[in-house]
Protein backbone atom coordinates (compact mmCIF):
# COMPACT_ATOMS: atom_id res chain seq x y z
CA UNK A 1 30.84 4.10 -40.10
CA UNK A 2 32.91 5.27 -37.17
CA UNK A 3 29.75 5.44 -35.06
CA UNK A 4 29.37 2.32 -32.87
CA UNK A 5 25.66 2.14 -33.77
CA UNK A 6 26.46 1.54 -37.42
CA UNK A 7 27.34 -1.95 -38.58
CA UNK A 8 29.80 -3.07 -41.14
CA UNK A 9 28.59 -5.34 -43.92
CA UNK A 10 30.34 -8.26 -42.26
CA UNK A 11 28.66 -7.60 -38.91
CA UNK A 12 25.29 -7.28 -40.60
CA UNK A 13 25.89 -10.53 -42.48
CA UNK A 14 26.86 -12.38 -39.28
CA UNK A 15 23.69 -11.22 -37.55
CA UNK A 16 21.53 -12.19 -40.55
CA UNK A 17 23.23 -15.57 -40.81
CA UNK A 18 22.69 -16.25 -37.10
CA UNK A 19 19.01 -15.32 -37.37
CA UNK A 20 18.54 -17.55 -40.42
CA UNK A 21 20.32 -20.45 -38.71
CA UNK A 22 18.08 -19.98 -35.66
CA UNK A 23 14.99 -20.06 -37.89
CA UNK A 24 16.26 -23.23 -39.56
CA UNK A 25 16.82 -24.88 -36.17
CA UNK A 26 13.30 -23.93 -35.08
CA UNK A 27 11.87 -25.28 -38.33
CA UNK A 28 13.74 -28.56 -37.80
CA UNK A 29 12.42 -28.80 -34.25
CA UNK A 30 8.88 -28.17 -35.50
CA UNK A 31 9.34 -30.66 -38.33
CA UNK A 32 10.53 -33.26 -35.82
CA UNK A 33 7.49 -32.61 -33.63
CA UNK A 34 5.17 -32.95 -36.63
CA UNK A 35 6.93 -36.13 -37.64
CA UNK A 36 6.38 -37.55 -34.15
CA UNK A 37 2.70 -36.62 -34.37
CA UNK A 38 2.45 -38.37 -37.74
CA UNK A 39 4.09 -41.48 -36.31
CA UNK A 40 1.63 -41.49 -33.40
CA UNK A 41 -1.32 -41.04 -35.78
CA UNK A 42 -0.02 -43.88 -37.96
CA UNK A 43 0.31 -46.17 -34.94
CA UNK A 44 -3.16 -45.26 -33.72
CA UNK A 45 -4.65 -45.93 -37.16
CA UNK A 46 -2.98 -49.34 -37.23
CA UNK A 47 -4.33 -50.14 -33.76
CA UNK A 48 -7.82 -49.04 -34.80
CA UNK A 49 -7.61 -51.21 -37.91
CA UNK A 50 -6.48 -54.21 -35.86
CA UNK A 51 -9.34 -53.71 -33.40
CA UNK A 52 -11.77 -53.43 -36.30
CA UNK A 53 -10.48 -56.68 -37.77
CA UNK A 54 -10.76 -58.41 -34.39
CA UNK A 55 -14.36 -57.23 -34.08
CA UNK A 56 -15.10 -58.36 -37.61
CA UNK A 57 -13.53 -61.74 -36.93
CA UNK A 58 -15.52 -62.09 -33.73
CA UNK A 59 -18.75 -61.08 -35.47
CA UNK A 60 -18.00 -63.42 -38.36
CA UNK A 61 -17.29 -66.29 -36.00
CA UNK A 62 -20.56 -65.70 -34.15
CA UNK A 63 -22.48 -65.53 -37.43
CA UNK A 64 -20.83 -68.72 -38.69
CA UNK A 65 -21.62 -70.49 -35.44
CA UNK A 66 -25.26 -69.39 -35.66
CA UNK A 67 -25.49 -70.67 -39.25
CA UNK A 68 -23.90 -73.98 -38.29
CA UNK A 69 -26.52 -74.49 -35.59
CA UNK A 70 -29.32 -73.60 -38.01
CA UNK A 71 -27.95 -76.03 -40.61
CA UNK A 72 -27.63 -78.77 -38.00
CA UNK A 73 -31.24 -78.25 -36.89
CA UNK A 74 -32.39 -78.29 -40.50
CA UNK A 75 -30.45 -81.49 -41.24
CA UNK A 76 -31.82 -83.21 -38.15
CA UNK A 77 -35.37 -82.14 -38.94
CA UNK A 78 -35.03 -83.56 -42.48
CA UNK A 79 -33.50 -86.86 -41.34
CA UNK A 80 -36.14 -87.59 -38.74
CA UNK A 81 -39.57 -87.95 -40.27
CA UNK A 82 -42.36 -85.96 -38.72
CA UNK A 83 -44.22 -87.72 -35.94
CA UNK A 84 -47.39 -88.09 -38.04
CA UNK A 85 -45.60 -90.00 -40.81
CA UNK A 86 -44.33 -92.70 -38.42
CA UNK A 87 -47.88 -93.84 -37.68
CA UNK A 88 -48.73 -94.47 -41.36
């Protein structure tokens, strides 16, 4: 143990502790980066869902408008007798 290349138990422990603490810090940094990626993915999914709902609303509005016109044409055609029946 008098050789400078040999470590005492305390020195070895300090080195091991420092390495473990460094690994923990790196893991926390990675975890934070993954958390940020998850947050971004969550926000993107919400935006995609909102866009999908807007498209669905727009499509639904167009379909409803088309049906309203068809119903109006049908109602008008049933209220006005055909041209041939007016001459009878």
